């Protein structure tokens, strides 16, 4: 029952004489459909994260540009007139 590296091995007889539980075909199809839905949701979430990252980068760039740009002529205060 052990291999050359001390690894346990399962004898072939075990697989030929033991039942292997398998979900009915309808249940397997339901599982596949659910996994497909979840994968589509994951794709949409990943796309939303990518868009959010791009938006965040553009906002940071705009903020830095405004903060580091040379100051424009000061606008006269309307109340001071």
PDB file of N, CA and C in Angstrom:
ATOM      1  N   UNK A   1       0.807  -1.208   0.000  1.00  0.00           N
ATOM      2  CA  UNK A   1       0.000   0.000   0.000  1.00  0.00           C
ATOM      3  C   UNK A   1       0.847   1.268   0.000  1.00  0.00           C
ATOM      4  N   UNK A   2       2.154   1.197  -0.036  1.00  0.00           N
ATOM      5  CA  UNK A   2       2.967   2.402  -0.116  1.00  0.00           C
ATOM      6  C   UNK A   2       3.838   2.320  -1.361  1.00  0.00           C
ATOM      7  N   UNK A   3       4.168   3.503  -1.872  1.00  0.00           N
ATOM      8  CA  UNK A   3       4.995   3.574  -3.071  1.00  0.00           C
ATOM      9  C   UNK A   3       6.462   3.651  -2.711  1.00  0.00           C
ATOM     10  N   UNK A   4       7.280   3.912  -3.706  1.00  0.00           N
ATOM     11  CA  UNK A   4       8.724   3.934  -3.503  1.00  0.00           C
ATOM     12  C   UNK A   4       9.162   5.123  -2.663  1.00  0.00           C
ATOM     13  N   UNK A   5       8.389   6.191  -2.659  1.00  0.00           N
ATOM     14  CA  UNK A   5       8.754   7.382  -1.877  1.00  0.00           C
ATOM     15  C   UNK A   5       7.949   7.445  -0.581  1.00  0.00           C
ATOM     16  N   UNK A   6       7.377   6.324  -0.170  1.00  0.00           N
ATOM     17  CA  UNK A   6       6.583   6.307   1.043  1.00  0.00           C
ATOM     18  C   UNK A   6       5.195   6.909   0.863  1.00  0.00           C
ATOM     19  N   UNK A   7       4.792   7.111  -0.378  1.00  0.00           N
ATOM     20  CA  UNK A   7       3.473   7.677  -0.648  1.00  0.00           C
ATOM     21  C   UNK A   7       2.429   6.573  -0.607  1.00  0.00           C
ATOM     22  N   UNK A   8       1.298   6.886  -0.045  1.00  0.00           N
ATOM     23  CA  UNK A   8       0.215   5.911   0.009  1.00  0.00           C
ATOM     24  C   UNK A   8      -0.376   5.740  -1.381  1.00  0.00           C
ATOM     25  N   UNK A   9      -0.729   4.526  -1.693  1.00  0.00           N
ATOM     26  CA  UNK A   9      -1.367   4.236  -2.973  1.00  0.00           C
ATOM     27  C   UNK A   9      -2.717   3.600  -2.710  1.00  0.00           C
ATOM     28  N   UNK A  10      -3.656   3.886  -3.573  1.00  0.00           N
ATOM     29  CA  UNK A  10      -4.981   3.279  -3.475  1.00  0.00           C
ATOM     30  C   UNK A  10      -5.010   2.124  -4.477  1.00  0.00           C
ATOM     31  N   UNK A  11      -5.327   0.932  -4.000  1.00  0.00           N
ATOM     32  CA  UNK A  11      -5.342  -0.206  -4.932  1.00  0.00           C
ATOM     33  C   UNK A  11      -6.441  -0.070  -5.980  1.00  0.00           C
ATOM     34  N   UNK A  12      -6.204  -0.610  -7.144  1.00  0.00           N
ATOM     35  CA  UNK A  12      -7.157  -0.561  -8.251  1.00  0.00           C
ATOM     36  C   UNK A  12      -8.482  -1.197  -7.861  1.00  0.00           C
ATOM     37  N   UNK A  13      -8.439  -2.248  -7.052  1.00  0.00           N
ATOM     38  CA  UNK A  13      -9.665  -2.935  -6.629  1.00  0.00           C
ATOM     39  C   UNK A  13     -10.626  -1.976  -5.929  1.00  0.00           C
ATOM     40  N   UNK A  14     -10.081  -1.025  -5.207  1.00  0.00           N
ATOM     41  CA  UNK A  14     -10.941  -0.077  -4.487  1.00  0.00           C
ATOM     42  C   UNK A  14     -11.839   0.665  -5.473  1.00  0.00           C
ATOM     43  N   UNK A  15     -11.289   1.099  -6.578  1.00  0.00           N
ATOM     44  CA  UNK A  15     -12.066   1.872  -7.550  1.00  0.00           C
ATOM     45  C   UNK A  15     -13.045   0.993  -8.330  1.00  0.00           C
ATOM     46  N   UNK A  16     -12.681  -0.236  -8.586  1.00  0.00           N
ATOM     47  CA  UNK A  16     -13.572  -1.104  -9.357  1.00  0.00           C
ATOM     48  C   UNK A  16     -14.718  -1.647  -8.517  1.00  0.00           C
ATOM     49  N   UNK A  17     -14.530  -1.730  -7.189  1.00  0.00           N
ATOM     50  CA  UNK A  17     -15.582  -2.310  -6.352  1.00  0.00           C
ATOM     51  C   UNK A  17     -16.332  -1.267  -5.522  1.00  0.00           C
ATOM     52  N   UNK A  18     -15.890  -0.036  -5.514  1.00  0.00           N
ATOM     53  CA  UNK A  18     -16.544   0.997  -4.708  1.00  0.00           C
ATOM     54  C   UNK A  18     -17.411   1.878  -5.600  1.00  0.00           C
ATOM     55  N   UNK A  19     -18.618   2.175  -5.125  1.00  0.00           N
ATOM     56  CA  UNK A  19     -19.464   3.086  -5.914  1.00  0.00           C
ATOM     57  C   UNK A  19     -18.892   4.502  -5.878  1.00  0.00           C
ATOM     58  N   UNK A  20     -19.040   5.185  -6.977  1.00  0.00           N
ATOM     59  CA  UNK A  20     -18.568   6.577  -7.071  1.00  0.00           C
ATOM     60  C   UNK A  20     -19.795   7.470  -7.159  1.00  0.00           C
ATOM     61  N   UNK A  21     -20.044   8.272  -6.116  1.00  0.00           N
ATOM     62  CA  UNK A  21     -21.256   9.108  -6.156  1.00  0.00           C
ATOM     63  C   UNK A  21     -21.155  10.188  -7.234  1.00  0.00           C
ATOM     64  N   UNK A  22     -22.174  10.268  -8.027  1.00  0.00           N
ATOM     65  CA  UNK A  22     -22.210  11.233  -9.108  1.00  0.00           C
ATOM     66  C   UNK A  22     -23.594  11.864  -9.130  1.00  0.00           C
ATOM     67  N   UNK A  23     -23.640  13.175  -9.156  1.00  0.00           N
ATOM     68  CA  UNK A  23     -24.925  13.873  -9.170  1.00  0.00           C
ATOM     69  C   UNK A  23     -25.674  13.544 -10.460  1.00  0.00           C
ATOM     70  N   UNK A  24     -27.013  13.564 -10.394  1.00  0.00           N
ATOM     71  CA  UNK A  24     -27.788  13.341 -11.620  1.00  0.00           C
ATOM     72  C   UNK A  24     -27.434  14.395 -12.671  1.00  0.00           C
ATOM     73  N   UNK A  25     -27.636  14.047 -13.929  1.00  0.00           N
ATOM     74  CA  UNK A  25     -27.273  14.923 -15.034  1.00  0.00           C
ATOM     75  C   UNK A  25     -27.930  16.297 -14.911  1.00  0.00           C
ATOM     76  N   UNK A  26     -29.197  16.342 -14.498  1.00  0.00           N
ATOM     77  CA  UNK A  26     -29.887  17.631 -14.351  1.00  0.00           C
ATOM     78  C   UNK A  26     -29.192  18.499 -13.303  1.00  0.00           C
ATOM     79  N   UNK A  27     -28.745  17.892 -12.217  1.00  0.00           N
ATOM     80  CA  UNK A  27     -28.035  18.639 -11.162  1.00  0.00           C
ATOM     81  C   UNK A  27     -26.673  19.109 -11.667  1.00  0.00           C
ATOM     82  N   UNK A  28     -25.992  18.271 -12.429  1.00  0.00           N
ATOM     83  CA  UNK A  28     -24.704  18.671 -13.004  1.00  0.00           C
ATOM     84  C   UNK A  28     -24.888  19.874 -13.927  1.00  0.00           C
ATOM     85  N   UNK A  29     -25.945  19.846 -14.725  1.00  0.00           N
ATOM     86  CA  UNK A  29     -26.212  20.962 -15.641  1.00  0.00           C
ATOM     87  C   UNK A  29     -26.557  22.224 -14.868  1.00  0.00           C
ATOM     88  N   UNK A  30     -27.300  22.086 -13.749  1.00  0.00           N
ATOM     89  CA  UNK A  30     -27.628  23.242 -12.912  1.00  0.00           C
ATOM     90  C   UNK A  30     -26.353  23.840 -12.321  1.00  0.00           C
ATOM     91  N   UNK A  31     -25.448  22.976 -11.879  1.00  0.00           N
ATOM     92  CA  UNK A  31     -24.174  23.443 -11.307  1.00  0.00           C
ATOM     93  C   UNK A  31     -23.364  24.185 -12.367  1.00  0.00           C
ATOM     94  N   UNK A  32     -23.288  23.627 -13.564  1.00  0.00           N
ATOM     95  CA  UNK A  32     -22.536  24.267 -14.647  1.00  0.00           C
ATOM     96  C   UNK A  32     -23.142  25.626 -14.985  1.00  0.00           C
ATOM     97  N   UNK A  33     -24.478  25.704 -15.013  1.00  0.00           N
ATOM     98  CA  UNK A  33     -25.142  26.978 -15.316  1.00  0.00           C
ATOM     99  C   UNK A  33     -24.838  28.005 -14.224  1.00  0.00           C
ATOM    100  N   UNK A  34     -24.867  27.579 -12.963  1.00  0.00           N
ATOM    101  CA  UNK A  34     -24.591  28.503 -11.855  1.00  0.00           C
ATOM    102  C   UNK A  34     -23.146  28.987 -11.903  1.00  0.00           C
ATOM    103  N   UNK A  35     -22.227  28.086 -12.182  1.00  0.00           N
ATOM    104  CA  UNK A  35     -20.818  28.481 -12.298  1.00  0.00           C
ATOM    105  C   UNK A  35     -20.656  29.476 -13.448  1.00  0.00           C
ATOM    106  N   UNK A  36     -21.363  29.251 -14.548  1.00  0.00           N
ATOM    107  CA  UNK A  36     -21.315  30.195 -15.671  1.00  0.00           C
ATOM    108  C   UNK A  36     -21.825  31.567 -15.272  1.00  0.00           C
ATOM    109  N   UNK A  37     -22.925  31.618 -14.519  1.00  0.00           N
ATOM    110  CA  UNK A  37     -23.453  32.900 -14.034  1.00  0.00           C
ATOM    111  C   UNK A  37     -22.443  33.601 -13.140  1.00  0.00           C
ATOM    112  N   UNK A  38     -21.830  32.841 -12.230  1.00  0.00           N
ATOM    113  CA  UNK A  38     -20.862  33.431 -11.309  1.00  0.00           C
ATOM    114  C   UNK A  38     -19.617  33.924 -12.037  1.00  0.00           C
ATOM    115  N   UNK A  39     -19.187  33.192 -13.063  1.00  0.00           N
ATOM    116  CA  UNK A  39     -18.029  33.630 -13.838  1.00  0.00           C
ATOM    117  C   UNK A  39     -18.345  34.910 -14.600  1.00  0.00           C
ATOM    118  N   UNK A  40     -19.569  35.024 -15.131  1.00  0.00           N
ATOM    119  CA  UNK A  40     -19.977  36.244 -15.829  1.00  0.00           C
ATOM    120  C   UNK A  40     -20.007  37.418 -14.847  1.00  0.00           C
ATOM    121  N   UNK A  41     -20.508  37.179 -13.645  1.00  0.00           N
ATOM    122  CA  UNK A  41     -20.518  38.229 -12.618  1.00  0.00           C
ATOM    123  C   UNK A  41     -19.092  38.644 -12.279  1.00  0.00           C
ATOM    124  N   UNK A  42     -18.213  37.677 -12.140  1.00  0.00           N
ATOM    125  CA  UNK A  42     -16.814  37.976 -11.854  1.00  0.00           C
ATOM    126  C   UNK A  42     -16.199  38.821 -12.966  1.00  0.00           C
ATOM    127  N   UNK A  43     -16.494  38.491 -14.212  1.00  0.00           N
ATOM    128  CA  UNK A  43     -15.979  39.277 -15.340  1.00  0.00           C
ATOM    129  C   UNK A  43     -16.470  40.719 -15.262  1.00  0.00           C
ATOM    130  N   UNK A  44     -17.771  40.896 -14.927  1.00  0.00           N
ATOM    131  CA  UNK A  44     -18.314  42.256 -14.812  1.00  0.00           C
ATOM    132  C   UNK A  44     -17.664  43.011 -13.655  1.00  0.00           C
ATOM    133  N   UNK A  45     -17.446  42.341 -12.538  1.00  0.00           N
ATOM    134  CA  UNK A  45     -16.800  42.993 -11.392  1.00  0.00           C
ATOM    135  C   UNK A  45     -15.364  43.382 -11.710  1.00  0.00           C
ATOM    136  N   UNK A  46     -14.649  42.502 -12.394  1.00  0.00           N
ATOM    137  CA  UNK A  46     -13.269  42.825 -12.775  1.00  0.00           C
ATOM    138  C   UNK A  46     -13.232  44.018 -13.723  1.00  0.00           C
ATOM    139  N   UNK A  47     -14.175  44.084 -14.658  1.00  0.00           N
ATOM    140  CA  UNK A  47     -14.239  45.215 -15.579  1.00  0.00           C
ATOM    141  C   UNK A  47     -14.560  46.501 -14.818  1.00  0.00           C
ATOM    142  N   UNK A  48     -15.468  46.416 -13.844  1.00  0.00           N
ATOM    143  CA  UNK A  48     -15.807  47.598 -13.049  1.00  0.00           C
ATOM    144  C   UNK A  48     -14.599  48.061 -12.240  1.00  0.00           C
ATOM    145  N   UNK A  49     -13.838  47.138 -11.705  1.00  0.00           N
ATOM    146  CA  UNK A  49     -12.625  47.506 -10.965  1.00  0.00           C
ATOM    147  C   UNK A  49     -11.606  48.170 -11.881  1.00  0.00           C
ATOM    148  N   UNK A  50     -11.470  47.655 -13.090  1.00  0.00           N
ATOM    149  CA  UNK A  50     -10.530  48.257 -14.046  1.00  0.00           C
ATOM    150  C   UNK A  50     -10.969  49.671 -14.401  1.00  0.00           C
ATOM    151  N   UNK A  51     -12.290  49.870 -14.610  1.00  0.00           N
ATOM    152  CA  UNK A  51     -12.789  51.219 -14.905  1.00  0.00           C
ATOM    153  C   UNK A  51     -12.562  52.147 -13.711  1.00  0.00           C
ATOM    154  N   UNK A  52     -12.793  51.656 -12.505  1.00  0.00           N
ATOM    155  CA  UNK A  52     -12.592  52.473 -11.305  1.00  0.00           C
ATOM    156  C   UNK A  52     -11.121  52.853 -11.162  1.00  0.00           C
ATOM    157  N   UNK A  53     -10.221  51.919 -11.443  1.00  0.00           N
ATOM    158  CA  UNK A  53      -8.789  52.221 -11.384  1.00  0.00           C
ATOM    159  C   UNK A  53      -8.420  53.295 -12.402  1.00  0.00           C
ATOM    160  N   UNK A  54      -8.957  53.185 -13.606  1.00  0.00           N
ATOM    161  CA  UNK A  54      -8.660  54.179 -14.645  1.00  0.00           C
ATOM    162  C   UNK A  54      -9.207  55.544 -14.245  1.00  0.00           C
ATOM    163  N   UNK A  55     -10.414  55.577 -13.707  1.00  0.00           N
ATOM    164  CA  UNK A  55     -11.008  56.842 -13.256  1.00  0.00           C
ATOM    165  C   UNK A  55     -10.183  57.450 -12.131  1.00  0.00           C
ATOM    166  N   UNK A  56      -9.778  56.613 -11.179  1.00  0.00           N
ATOM    167  CA  UNK A  56      -8.964  57.094 -10.058  1.00  0.00           C
ATOM    168  C   UNK A  56      -7.652  57.682 -10.568  1.00  0.00           C
ATOM    169  N   UNK A  57      -7.035  57.027 -11.543  1.00  0.00           N
ATOM    170  CA  UNK A  57      -5.771  57.529 -12.093  1.00  0.00           C
ATOM    171  C   UNK A  57      -5.980  58.874 -12.789  1.00  0.00           C
ATOM    172  N   UNK A  58      -7.077  58.992 -13.565  1.00  0.00           N
ATOM    173  CA  UNK A  58      -7.347  60.275 -14.246  1.00  0.00           C
ATOM    174  C   UNK A  58      -7.623  61.386 -13.228  1.00  0.00           C
ATOM    175  N   UNK A  59      -8.371  61.068 -12.179  1.00  0.00           N
ATOM    176  CA  UNK A  59      -8.663  62.084 -11.162  1.00  0.00           C
ATOM    177  C   UNK A  59      -7.396  62.520 -10.441  1.00  0.00           C
ATOM    178  N   UNK A  60      -6.533  61.571 -10.128  1.00  0.00           N
ATOM    179  CA  UNK A  60      -5.271  61.913  -9.470  1.00  0.00           C
ATOM    180  C   UNK A  60      -4.418  62.781 -10.375  1.00  0.00           C
ATOM    181  N   UNK A  61      -4.364  62.427 -11.654  1.00  0.00           N
ATOM    182  CA  UNK A  61      -3.584  63.223 -12.598  1.00  0.00           C
ATOM    183  C   UNK A  61      -4.134  64.655 -12.697  1.00  0.00           C
ATOM    184  N   UNK A  62      -5.458  64.772 -12.757  1.00  0.00           N
ATOM    185  CA  UNK A  62      -6.069  66.104 -12.838  1.00  0.00           C
ATOM    186  C   UNK A  62      -5.806  66.896 -11.563  1.00  0.00           C
ATOM    187  N   UNK A  63      -5.892  66.244 -10.426  1.00  0.00           N
ATOM    188  CA  UNK A  63      -5.640  66.926  -9.155  1.00  0.00           C
ATOM    189  C   UNK A  63      -4.201  67.402  -9.070  1.00  0.00           C
ATOM    190  N   UNK A  64      -3.272  66.537  -9.437  1.00  0.00           N
ATOM    191  CA  UNK A  64      -1.861  66.926  -9.399  1.00  0.00           C
ATOM    192  C   UNK A  64      -1.568  68.034 -10.402  1.00  0.00           C
ATOM    193  N   UNK A  65      -2.182  67.952 -11.579  1.00  0.00           N
ATOM    194  CA  UNK A  65      -1.974  68.989 -12.578  1.00  0.00           C
ATOM    195  C   UNK A  65      -2.454  70.337 -12.045  1.00  0.00           C
ATOM    196  N   UNK A  66      -3.615  70.346 -11.434  1.00  0.00           N
ATOM    197  CA  UNK A  66      -4.152  71.596 -10.904  1.00  0.00           C
ATOM    198  C   UNK A  66      -3.326  72.098  -9.725  1.00  0.00           C
ATOM    199  N   UNK A  67      -2.869  71.192  -8.876  1.00  0.00           N
ATOM    200  CA  UNK A  67      -2.116  71.593  -7.698  1.00  0.00           C
ATOM    201  C   UNK A  67      -0.722  72.095  -8.064  1.00  0.00           C
ATOM    202  N   UNK A  68      -0.130  71.550  -9.120  1.00  0.00           N
ATOM    203  CA  UNK A  68       1.241  71.912  -9.470  1.00  0.00           C
ATOM    204  C   UNK A  68       1.333  72.911 -10.606  1.00  0.00           C
ATOM    205  N   UNK A  69       0.222  73.269 -11.211  1.00  0.00           N
ATOM    206  CA  UNK A  69       0.237  74.226 -12.311  1.00  0.00           C
ATOM    207  C   UNK A  69       0.555  75.616 -11.768  1.00  0.00           C
ATOM    208  N   UNK A  70       1.190  76.427 -12.579  1.00  0.00           N
ATOM    209  CA  UNK A  70       1.457  77.791 -12.117  1.00  0.00           C
ATOM    210  C   UNK A  70       0.128  78.491 -11.816  1.00  0.00           C
ATOM    211  N   UNK A  71       0.178  79.305 -10.781  1.00  0.00           N
ATOM    212  CA  UNK A  71      -1.041  80.005 -10.368  1.00  0.00           C
ATOM    213  C   UNK A  71      -1.454  81.004 -11.439  1.00  0.00           C
ATOM    214  N   UNK A  72      -2.722  81.085 -11.698  1.00  0.00           N
ATOM    215  CA  UNK A  72      -3.256  82.043 -12.664  1.00  0.00           C
ATOM    216  C   UNK A  72      -3.343  83.403 -11.985  1.00  0.00           C
ATOM    217  N   UNK A  73      -3.611  84.415 -12.781  1.00  0.00           N
ATOM    218  CA  UNK A  73      -3.783  85.754 -12.227  1.00  0.00           C
ATOM    219  C   UNK A  73      -4.874  85.712 -11.171  1.00  0.00           C
ATOM    220  N   UNK A  74      -4.646  86.306 -10.032  1.00  0.00           N
ATOM    221  CA  UNK A  74      -5.699  86.305  -9.005  1.00  0.00           C
ATOM    222  C   UNK A  74      -6.911  87.071  -9.489  1.00  0.00           C
ATOM    223  N   UNK A  75      -8.056  86.532  -9.220  1.00  0.00           N
ATOM    224  CA  UNK A  75      -9.313  87.155  -9.602  1.00  0.00           C
ATOM    225  C   UNK A  75      -9.679  88.166  -8.525  1.00  0.00           C
ATOM    226  N   UNK A  76     -10.035  89.369  -8.975  1.00  0.00           N
ATOM    227  CA  UNK A  76     -10.393  90.412  -8.005  1.00  0.00           C
ATOM    228  C   UNK A  76     -11.647  89.987  -7.277  1.00  0.00           C
ATOM    229  N   UNK A  77     -11.649  90.194  -5.993  1.00  0.00           N
ATOM    230  CA  UNK A  77     -12.801  89.858  -5.163  1.00  0.00           C
ATOM    231  C   UNK A  77     -13.926  90.847  -5.441  1.00  0.00           C
ATOM    232  N   UNK A  78     -15.088  90.360  -5.793  1.00  0.00           N
ATOM    233  CA  UNK A  78     -16.212  91.211  -6.123  1.00  0.00           C
ATOM    234  C   UNK A  78     -16.637  92.039  -4.922  1.00  0.00           C
ATOM    235  N   UNK A  79     -16.476  91.532  -3.732  1.00  0.00           N
ATOM    236  CA  UNK A  79     -16.864  92.257  -2.525  1.00  0.00           C
ATOM    237  C   UNK A  79     -15.930  93.435  -2.264  1.00  0.00           C
ATOM    238  N   UNK A  80     -14.695  93.364  -2.743  1.00  0.00           N
ATOM    239  CA  UNK A  80     -13.740  94.429  -2.489  1.00  0.00           C
ATOM    240  C   UNK A  80     -13.998  95.638  -3.369  1.00  0.00           C
ATOM    241  N   UNK A  81     -14.760  95.514  -4.427  1.00  0.00           N
ATOM    242  CA  UNK A  81     -15.001  96.619  -5.336  1.00  0.00           C
ATOM    243  C   UNK A  81     -15.976  97.599  -4.795  1.00  0.00           C
TER     244      UNK A  81
END
